[in-house]
Each structure stands twice: as C-alpha cells, then as structure tokens.
Amino acid sequence: MAALLTALAILTFPIRVIWFLALAACLVVVAPVFLMLACFVGFWIVLAISYVFLPSDWTLTLWQSASDLYDQSAWFKAATITSWTLLCLPILAVWPGRPPTKSQRDLDDEAYTAALFTRQQDECRAKFKKSFGHLD
C-alpha cells in the first residue's frame, strides 16, 4: 500500500506543480489588471467628488494635473483607455440591438413544448369533466 501511495505521489507531483504555476501566472496577470482598474475607479471618484467638496481652484488644479498626465505619459494614456474599455465591455454586452434570432431547433422545441402543454391541459380538463360531470 505504501508503494502505491508513493507511486501516486510521484505521478501527481508534476501535475500539482503545473497547476500551481498556472495559478501563479493567472495571479500575476489578473491581479495587476484589477489593481489598475481599482486605482482608476478611485481616481475617477476623487475627480467627481472634487466638484462637490473641494474649492473650485483645487478642482481645477486636480483636473489639470490629470489632463497633463494624460498628455505626457503614454503609459497613463494606455491605462486610461484600457480601464475605460474594461468598464464599458459589460455595458456593451447588454446594449440593445437586434433581437437574437432563434434557431430552427429552438423553434421546434417551443412548438413541441406548447403542444405538450396543450395536450396535458386537455387531459386534465377531460379528467375533471369525467370526475365532476354531474355538476354541469
């Protein structure tokens, strides 16, 4: 039994290592994206709240610094465009457009379901009339 457990451990170790490396790679890729998105959302919230709570000259300075940073830094520009895109993609997924076309299989399934439902209702009505026919 110990030999079997040792053999299983030897066989599963490379799989576990590959799985761990895949998880680590996903963490290295996904975590910065979400961190960048969270930083930009926080920055936008600060810019939006600056209109309400800060004096107008501070707001103007804050917006001017953001605009200057956008003009001067290609990284900031790329990050801004990327984060806006990531924020807008879920909106585009539900954006109204053409109604989805149904396949012939979906139409056949709906027709079959409607016919089955109608048949079951007719059977229930027939049972009801048979059982309680004397009440008519």
N, C-alpha and C. Protein backbone atom coordinates (compact mmCIF):
# COMPACT_ATOMS: atom_id res chain seq x y z
N MET A 1 0.82 -1.19 0.00
CA MET A 1 0.00 0.00 0.00
C MET A 1 0.86 1.26 0.00
N ALA A 2 1.97 1.20 0.72
CA ALA A 2 2.87 2.35 0.78
C ALA A 2 3.51 2.61 -0.59
N ALA A 3 3.79 1.51 -1.30
CA ALA A 3 4.38 1.67 -2.63
C ALA A 3 3.38 2.32 -3.58
N LEU A 4 2.10 1.98 -3.45
CA LEU A 4 1.08 2.57 -4.29
C LEU A 4 0.94 4.08 -3.98
N LEU A 5 0.94 4.42 -2.72
CA LEU A 5 0.85 5.83 -2.33
C LEU A 5 2.07 6.61 -2.81
N THR A 6 3.24 6.01 -2.74
CA THR A 6 4.44 6.67 -3.22
C THR A 6 4.38 6.87 -4.73
N ALA A 7 3.91 5.85 -5.44
CA ALA A 7 3.80 5.95 -6.90
C ALA A 7 2.78 7.03 -7.28
N LEU A 8 1.67 7.10 -6.57
CA LEU A 8 0.68 8.14 -6.85
C LEU A 8 1.23 9.53 -6.56
N ALA A 9 1.98 9.65 -5.48
CA ALA A 9 2.58 10.94 -5.16
C ALA A 9 3.58 11.36 -6.23
N ILE A 10 4.35 10.41 -6.72
CA ILE A 10 5.33 10.71 -7.77
C ILE A 10 4.63 11.11 -9.07
N LEU A 11 3.52 10.45 -9.38
CA LEU A 11 2.80 10.77 -10.61
C LEU A 11 2.03 12.10 -10.51
N THR A 12 1.49 12.39 -9.34
CA THR A 12 0.68 13.61 -9.22
C THR A 12 1.51 14.85 -8.92
N PHE A 13 2.75 14.70 -8.51
CA PHE A 13 3.57 15.87 -8.19
C PHE A 13 3.76 16.82 -9.38
N PRO A 14 4.13 16.31 -10.57
CA PRO A 14 4.28 17.24 -11.70
C PRO A 14 2.97 17.94 -12.06
N ILE A 15 1.84 17.23 -11.94
CA ILE A 15 0.55 17.85 -12.23
C ILE A 15 0.27 18.97 -11.24
N ARG A 16 0.57 18.74 -9.97
CA ARG A 16 0.37 19.77 -8.95
C ARG A 16 1.28 20.97 -9.19
N VAL A 17 2.49 20.70 -9.61
CA VAL A 17 3.42 21.80 -9.89
C VAL A 17 2.92 22.64 -11.07
N ILE A 18 2.48 21.98 -12.12
CA ILE A 18 1.96 22.70 -13.28
C ILE A 18 0.71 23.50 -12.90
N TRP A 19 -0.17 22.90 -12.10
CA TRP A 19 -1.37 23.60 -11.65
C TRP A 19 -1.01 24.83 -10.82
N PHE A 20 -0.06 24.68 -9.92
CA PHE A 20 0.37 25.82 -9.10
C PHE A 20 0.98 26.91 -9.97
N LEU A 21 1.80 26.54 -10.95
CA LEU A 21 2.39 27.54 -11.84
C LEU A 21 1.32 28.26 -12.67
N ALA A 22 0.29 27.52 -13.09
CA ALA A 22 -0.80 28.15 -13.84
C ALA A 22 -1.56 29.13 -12.95
N LEU A 23 -1.82 28.75 -11.71
CA LEU A 23 -2.49 29.66 -10.79
C LEU A 23 -1.63 30.89 -10.49
N ALA A 24 -0.34 30.68 -10.32
CA ALA A 24 0.55 31.82 -10.06
C ALA A 24 0.60 32.75 -11.27
N ALA A 25 0.64 32.18 -12.48
CA ALA A 25 0.65 33.02 -13.69
C ALA A 25 -0.64 33.82 -13.81
N CYS A 26 -1.76 33.19 -13.50
CA CYS A 26 -3.04 33.91 -13.54
C CYS A 26 -3.04 35.03 -12.50
N LEU A 27 -2.50 34.77 -11.34
CA LEU A 27 -2.43 35.80 -10.30
C LEU A 27 -1.56 36.96 -10.76
N VAL A 28 -0.43 36.63 -11.39
CA VAL A 28 0.48 37.68 -11.84
C VAL A 28 -0.15 38.51 -12.95
N VAL A 29 -0.99 37.91 -13.78
CA VAL A 29 -1.62 38.63 -14.88
C VAL A 29 -2.89 39.35 -14.42
N VAL A 30 -3.73 38.68 -13.66
CA VAL A 30 -5.05 39.21 -13.32
C VAL A 30 -4.97 40.26 -12.21
N ALA A 31 -4.14 40.06 -11.22
CA ALA A 31 -4.08 40.99 -10.09
C ALA A 31 -3.70 42.41 -10.51
N PRO A 32 -2.70 42.61 -11.35
CA PRO A 32 -2.40 43.99 -11.77
C PRO A 32 -3.53 44.63 -12.57
N VAL A 33 -4.23 43.85 -13.35
CA VAL A 33 -5.34 44.41 -14.12
C VAL A 33 -6.42 44.93 -13.17
N PHE A 34 -6.78 44.14 -12.18
CA PHE A 34 -7.79 44.59 -11.24
C PHE A 34 -7.28 45.71 -10.36
N LEU A 35 -6.01 45.69 -10.01
CA LEU A 35 -5.44 46.79 -9.24
C LEU A 35 -5.46 48.08 -10.04
N MET A 36 -5.10 48.00 -11.32
CA MET A 36 -5.14 49.19 -12.17
C MET A 36 -6.57 49.71 -12.30
N LEU A 37 -7.50 48.80 -12.52
CA LEU A 37 -8.89 49.20 -12.64
C LEU A 37 -9.40 49.84 -11.36
N ALA A 38 -9.05 49.28 -10.21
CA ALA A 38 -9.47 49.85 -8.93
C ALA A 38 -8.85 51.23 -8.71
N CYS A 39 -7.59 51.38 -9.09
CA CYS A 39 -6.94 52.69 -8.94
C CYS A 39 -7.60 53.74 -9.82
N PHE A 40 -7.92 53.37 -11.05
CA PHE A 40 -8.58 54.34 -11.93
C PHE A 40 -9.99 54.68 -11.46
N VAL A 41 -10.71 53.68 -10.98
CA VAL A 41 -12.05 53.96 -10.47
C VAL A 41 -11.95 54.89 -9.26
N GLY A 42 -10.99 54.62 -8.38
CA GLY A 42 -10.78 55.53 -7.25
C GLY A 42 -10.40 56.93 -7.69
N PHE A 43 -9.55 57.03 -8.69
CA PHE A 43 -9.14 58.32 -9.21
C PHE A 43 -10.32 59.07 -9.81
N TRP A 44 -11.17 58.35 -10.56
CA TRP A 44 -12.35 58.98 -11.15
C TRP A 44 -13.33 59.43 -10.07
N ILE A 45 -13.46 58.61 -9.02
CA ILE A 45 -14.36 59.00 -7.93
C ILE A 45 -13.84 60.27 -7.25
N VAL A 46 -12.52 60.32 -7.03
CA VAL A 46 -11.94 61.52 -6.42
C VAL A 46 -12.17 62.73 -7.33
N LEU A 47 -11.97 62.58 -8.61
CA LEU A 47 -12.21 63.69 -9.54
C LEU A 47 -13.67 64.12 -9.53
N ALA A 48 -14.58 63.16 -9.48
CA ALA A 48 -16.00 63.50 -9.48
C ALA A 48 -16.41 64.16 -8.16
N ILE A 49 -15.90 63.66 -7.05
CA ILE A 49 -16.25 64.23 -5.74
C ILE A 49 -15.60 65.59 -5.56
N SER A 50 -14.52 65.83 -6.26
CA SER A 50 -13.85 67.12 -6.12
C SER A 50 -14.77 68.29 -6.51
N TYR A 51 -15.71 68.03 -7.41
CA TYR A 51 -16.67 69.07 -7.77
C TYR A 51 -17.53 69.48 -6.58
N VAL A 52 -17.86 68.52 -5.74
CA VAL A 52 -18.80 68.79 -4.65
C VAL A 52 -18.10 69.35 -3.42
N PHE A 53 -16.98 68.75 -3.03
CA PHE A 53 -16.41 69.06 -1.71
C PHE A 53 -15.19 69.97 -1.72
N LEU A 54 -14.50 70.07 -2.83
CA LEU A 54 -13.28 70.87 -2.85
C LEU A 54 -13.57 72.25 -3.44
N PRO A 55 -12.76 73.22 -3.07
CA PRO A 55 -12.91 74.53 -3.70
C PRO A 55 -12.63 74.44 -5.20
N SER A 56 -13.16 75.38 -5.94
CA SER A 56 -13.07 75.30 -7.41
C SER A 56 -11.63 75.38 -7.91
N ASP A 57 -10.76 76.13 -7.23
CA ASP A 57 -9.37 76.20 -7.70
C ASP A 57 -8.65 74.88 -7.46
N TRP A 58 -8.97 74.19 -6.38
CA TRP A 58 -8.37 72.87 -6.15
C TRP A 58 -8.88 71.87 -7.21
N THR A 59 -10.15 71.94 -7.51
CA THR A 59 -10.73 71.05 -8.51
C THR A 59 -10.08 71.29 -9.88
N LEU A 60 -9.92 72.56 -10.21
CA LEU A 60 -9.28 72.90 -11.48
C LEU A 60 -7.85 72.37 -11.53
N THR A 61 -7.12 72.50 -10.43
CA THR A 61 -5.74 72.01 -10.36
C THR A 61 -5.71 70.49 -10.49
N LEU A 62 -6.62 69.81 -9.82
CA LEU A 62 -6.66 68.35 -9.86
C LEU A 62 -6.96 67.85 -11.26
N TRP A 63 -7.95 68.46 -11.91
CA TRP A 63 -8.29 68.06 -13.27
C TRP A 63 -7.18 68.43 -14.25
N GLN A 64 -6.53 69.54 -14.03
CA GLN A 64 -5.42 69.93 -14.92
C GLN A 64 -4.25 68.96 -14.78
N SER A 65 -3.97 68.51 -13.55
CA SER A 65 -2.88 67.54 -13.37
C SER A 65 -3.22 66.22 -14.05
N ALA A 66 -4.48 65.79 -13.98
CA ALA A 66 -4.88 64.56 -14.66
C ALA A 66 -4.76 64.73 -16.17
N SER A 67 -5.15 65.88 -16.67
CA SER A 67 -5.05 66.14 -18.11
C SER A 67 -3.59 66.19 -18.56
N ASP A 68 -2.73 66.83 -17.77
CA ASP A 68 -1.31 66.89 -18.12
C ASP A 68 -0.68 65.50 -18.10
N LEU A 69 -1.05 64.70 -17.09
CA LEU A 69 -0.52 63.35 -17.01
C LEU A 69 -0.97 62.53 -18.21
N TYR A 70 -2.19 62.71 -18.65
CA TYR A 70 -2.70 62.00 -19.82
C TYR A 70 -1.95 62.43 -21.08
N ASP A 71 -1.63 63.72 -21.19
CA ASP A 71 -0.92 64.20 -22.37
C ASP A 71 0.54 63.78 -22.39
N GLN A 72 1.18 63.70 -21.24
CA GLN A 72 2.62 63.45 -21.17
C GLN A 72 2.99 61.98 -21.12
N SER A 73 2.16 61.15 -20.53
CA SER A 73 2.54 59.77 -20.30
C SER A 73 1.77 58.82 -21.20
N ALA A 74 2.49 58.08 -22.00
CA ALA A 74 1.85 57.08 -22.85
C ALA A 74 1.29 55.93 -22.01
N TRP A 75 1.98 55.61 -20.90
CA TRP A 75 1.50 54.56 -20.01
C TRP A 75 0.17 54.93 -19.37
N PHE A 76 0.06 56.18 -18.93
CA PHE A 76 -1.18 56.65 -18.31
C PHE A 76 -2.31 56.67 -19.34
N LYS A 77 -1.98 57.07 -20.56
CA LYS A 77 -2.99 57.10 -21.63
C LYS A 77 -3.46 55.68 -21.95
N ALA A 78 -2.52 54.76 -22.06
CA ALA A 78 -2.87 53.37 -22.35
C ALA A 78 -3.68 52.76 -21.21
N ALA A 79 -3.27 53.06 -19.99
CA ALA A 79 -4.01 52.53 -18.84
C ALA A 79 -5.41 53.11 -18.76
N THR A 80 -5.54 54.38 -19.08
CA THR A 80 -6.87 55.01 -19.07
C THR A 80 -7.78 54.39 -20.12
N ILE A 81 -7.27 54.24 -21.31
CA ILE A 81 -8.07 53.64 -22.38
C ILE A 81 -8.44 52.21 -22.03
N THR A 82 -7.48 51.46 -21.50
CA THR A 82 -7.74 50.06 -21.13
C THR A 82 -8.79 49.96 -20.04
N SER A 83 -8.66 50.79 -19.01
CA SER A 83 -9.62 50.70 -17.91
C SER A 83 -11.01 51.14 -18.35
N TRP A 84 -11.10 52.16 -19.20
CA TRP A 84 -12.41 52.55 -19.72
C TRP A 84 -13.01 51.43 -20.55
N THR A 85 -12.17 50.77 -21.32
CA THR A 85 -12.66 49.65 -22.13
C THR A 85 -13.16 48.53 -21.24
N LEU A 86 -12.40 48.20 -20.20
CA LEU A 86 -12.83 47.13 -19.29
C LEU A 86 -14.11 47.50 -18.56
N LEU A 87 -14.30 48.76 -18.26
CA LEU A 87 -15.53 49.18 -17.60
C LEU A 87 -16.72 49.20 -18.56
N CYS A 88 -16.48 49.45 -19.83
CA CYS A 88 -17.57 49.57 -20.79
C CYS A 88 -17.97 48.25 -21.42
N LEU A 89 -17.13 47.24 -21.38
CA LEU A 89 -17.47 45.96 -22.00
C LEU A 89 -18.74 45.33 -21.43
N PRO A 90 -18.93 45.32 -20.10
CA PRO A 90 -20.20 44.75 -19.60
C PRO A 90 -21.42 45.53 -20.07
N ILE A 91 -21.27 46.83 -20.26
CA ILE A 91 -22.40 47.62 -20.75
C ILE A 91 -22.72 47.23 -22.19
N LEU A 92 -21.69 47.02 -22.99
CA LEU A 92 -21.90 46.66 -24.38
C LEU A 92 -22.51 45.27 -24.53
N ALA A 93 -22.29 44.41 -23.53
CA ALA A 93 -22.86 43.06 -23.60
C ALA A 93 -24.38 43.09 -23.51
N VAL A 94 -24.93 44.06 -22.79
CA VAL A 94 -26.38 44.14 -22.65
C VAL A 94 -26.98 45.29 -23.45
N TRP A 95 -26.18 45.91 -24.31
CA TRP A 95 -26.64 47.04 -25.10
C TRP A 95 -27.75 46.57 -26.05
N PRO A 96 -28.83 47.33 -26.16
CA PRO A 96 -29.91 46.85 -27.03
C PRO A 96 -29.48 46.84 -28.49
N GLY A 97 -29.83 45.82 -29.14
CA GLY A 97 -29.50 45.68 -30.55
C GLY A 97 -30.59 44.87 -31.22
N ARG A 98 -30.21 44.17 -32.24
CA ARG A 98 -31.19 43.31 -32.90
C ARG A 98 -31.58 42.19 -31.96
N PRO A 99 -32.84 41.79 -32.00
CA PRO A 99 -33.22 40.65 -31.16
C PRO A 99 -32.51 39.39 -31.68
N PRO A 100 -32.11 38.53 -30.78
CA PRO A 100 -31.39 37.34 -31.22
C PRO A 100 -32.31 36.44 -32.05
N THR A 101 -31.74 35.90 -33.10
CA THR A 101 -32.51 35.01 -33.97
C THR A 101 -32.51 33.62 -33.34
N LYS A 102 -33.66 32.98 -33.43
CA LYS A 102 -33.79 31.64 -32.86
C LYS A 102 -33.49 30.61 -33.94
N SER A 103 -32.82 29.57 -33.52
CA SER A 103 -32.51 28.50 -34.46
C SER A 103 -33.77 27.66 -34.71
N GLN A 104 -33.70 26.87 -35.71
CA GLN A 104 -34.84 26.01 -36.03
C GLN A 104 -35.09 25.02 -34.90
N ARG A 105 -34.03 24.58 -34.26
CA ARG A 105 -34.19 23.65 -33.14
C ARG A 105 -34.93 24.31 -31.99
N ASP A 106 -34.60 25.58 -31.68
CA ASP A 106 -35.30 26.29 -30.62
C ASP A 106 -36.78 26.45 -30.96
N LEU A 107 -37.06 26.79 -32.23
CA LEU A 107 -38.46 26.93 -32.65
C LEU A 107 -39.21 25.61 -32.55
N ASP A 108 -38.54 24.51 -32.94
CA ASP A 108 -39.16 23.19 -32.84
C ASP A 108 -39.41 22.82 -31.38
N ASP A 109 -38.44 23.11 -30.50
CA ASP A 109 -38.61 22.83 -29.08
C ASP A 109 -39.77 23.61 -28.49
N GLU A 110 -39.91 24.88 -28.87
CA GLU A 110 -41.02 25.68 -28.37
C GLU A 110 -42.36 25.14 -28.85
N ALA A 111 -42.42 24.74 -30.12
CA ALA A 111 -43.66 24.18 -30.67
C ALA A 111 -44.00 22.87 -29.97
N TYR A 112 -43.01 22.02 -29.74
CA TYR A 112 -43.23 20.76 -29.06
C TYR A 112 -43.71 21.00 -27.63
N THR A 113 -43.09 21.94 -26.94
CA THR A 113 -43.48 22.24 -25.56
C THR A 113 -44.90 22.78 -25.51
N ALA A 114 -45.24 23.66 -26.45
CA ALA A 114 -46.60 24.20 -26.49
C ALA A 114 -47.62 23.09 -26.75
N ALA A 115 -47.31 22.19 -27.69
CA ALA A 115 -48.22 21.08 -27.99
C ALA A 115 -48.35 20.16 -26.79
N LEU A 116 -47.26 19.87 -26.11
CA LEU A 116 -47.29 19.01 -24.94
C LEU A 116 -48.12 19.65 -23.83
N PHE A 117 -47.93 20.93 -23.63
CA PHE A 117 -48.68 21.65 -22.59
C PHE A 117 -50.17 21.64 -22.91
N THR A 118 -50.52 21.87 -24.17
CA THR A 118 -51.92 21.86 -24.58
C THR A 118 -52.53 20.49 -24.38
N ARG A 119 -51.80 19.44 -24.74
CA ARG A 119 -52.30 18.08 -24.56
C ARG A 119 -52.53 17.77 -23.09
N GLN A 120 -51.59 18.19 -22.22
CA GLN A 120 -51.75 17.94 -20.79
C GLN A 120 -52.95 18.70 -20.23
N GLN A 121 -53.17 19.91 -20.70
CA GLN A 121 -54.34 20.66 -20.25
C GLN A 121 -55.63 19.98 -20.70
N ASP A 122 -55.65 19.50 -21.93
CA ASP A 122 -56.84 18.81 -22.43
C ASP A 122 -57.12 17.55 -21.63
N GLU A 123 -56.06 16.80 -21.28
CA GLU A 123 -56.24 15.60 -20.47
C GLU A 123 -56.78 15.95 -19.08
N CYS A 124 -56.26 17.02 -18.49
CA CYS A 124 -56.74 17.43 -17.16
C CYS A 124 -58.20 17.87 -17.23
N ARG A 125 -58.59 18.59 -18.29
CA ARG A 125 -59.98 19.02 -18.44
C ARG A 125 -60.90 17.80 -18.63
N ALA A 126 -60.41 16.82 -19.41
CA ALA A 126 -61.21 15.62 -19.63
C ALA A 126 -61.40 14.85 -18.32
N LYS A 127 -60.35 14.73 -17.51
CA LYS A 127 -60.46 14.06 -16.21
C LYS A 127 -61.44 14.80 -15.30
N PHE A 128 -61.33 16.12 -15.32
CA PHE A 128 -62.18 16.93 -14.46
C PHE A 128 -63.65 16.77 -14.87
N LYS A 129 -63.91 16.80 -16.19
CA LYS A 129 -65.29 16.64 -16.66
C LYS A 129 -65.81 15.24 -16.36
N LYS A 130 -64.90 14.26 -16.45
CA LYS A 130 -65.33 12.89 -16.18
C LYS A 130 -65.64 12.71 -14.70
N SER A 131 -64.81 13.31 -13.84
CA SER A 131 -65.00 13.16 -12.41
C SER A 131 -66.16 13.98 -11.89
N PHE A 132 -66.28 15.20 -12.38
CA PHE A 132 -67.29 16.11 -11.85
C PHE A 132 -68.32 16.46 -12.91
N GLY A 133 -68.59 15.56 -13.80
CA GLY A 133 -69.54 15.82 -14.87
C GLY A 133 -70.94 16.07 -14.37
N HIS A 134 -71.27 15.50 -13.22
CA HIS A 134 -72.63 15.64 -12.69
C HIS A 134 -72.89 17.06 -12.16
N LEU A 135 -71.83 17.87 -12.03
CA LEU A 135 -72.00 19.24 -11.53
C LEU A 135 -72.37 20.22 -12.62
N ASP A 136 -72.24 19.83 -13.89
CA ASP A 136 -72.54 20.75 -15.00
C ASP A 136 -73.98 21.10 -15.08
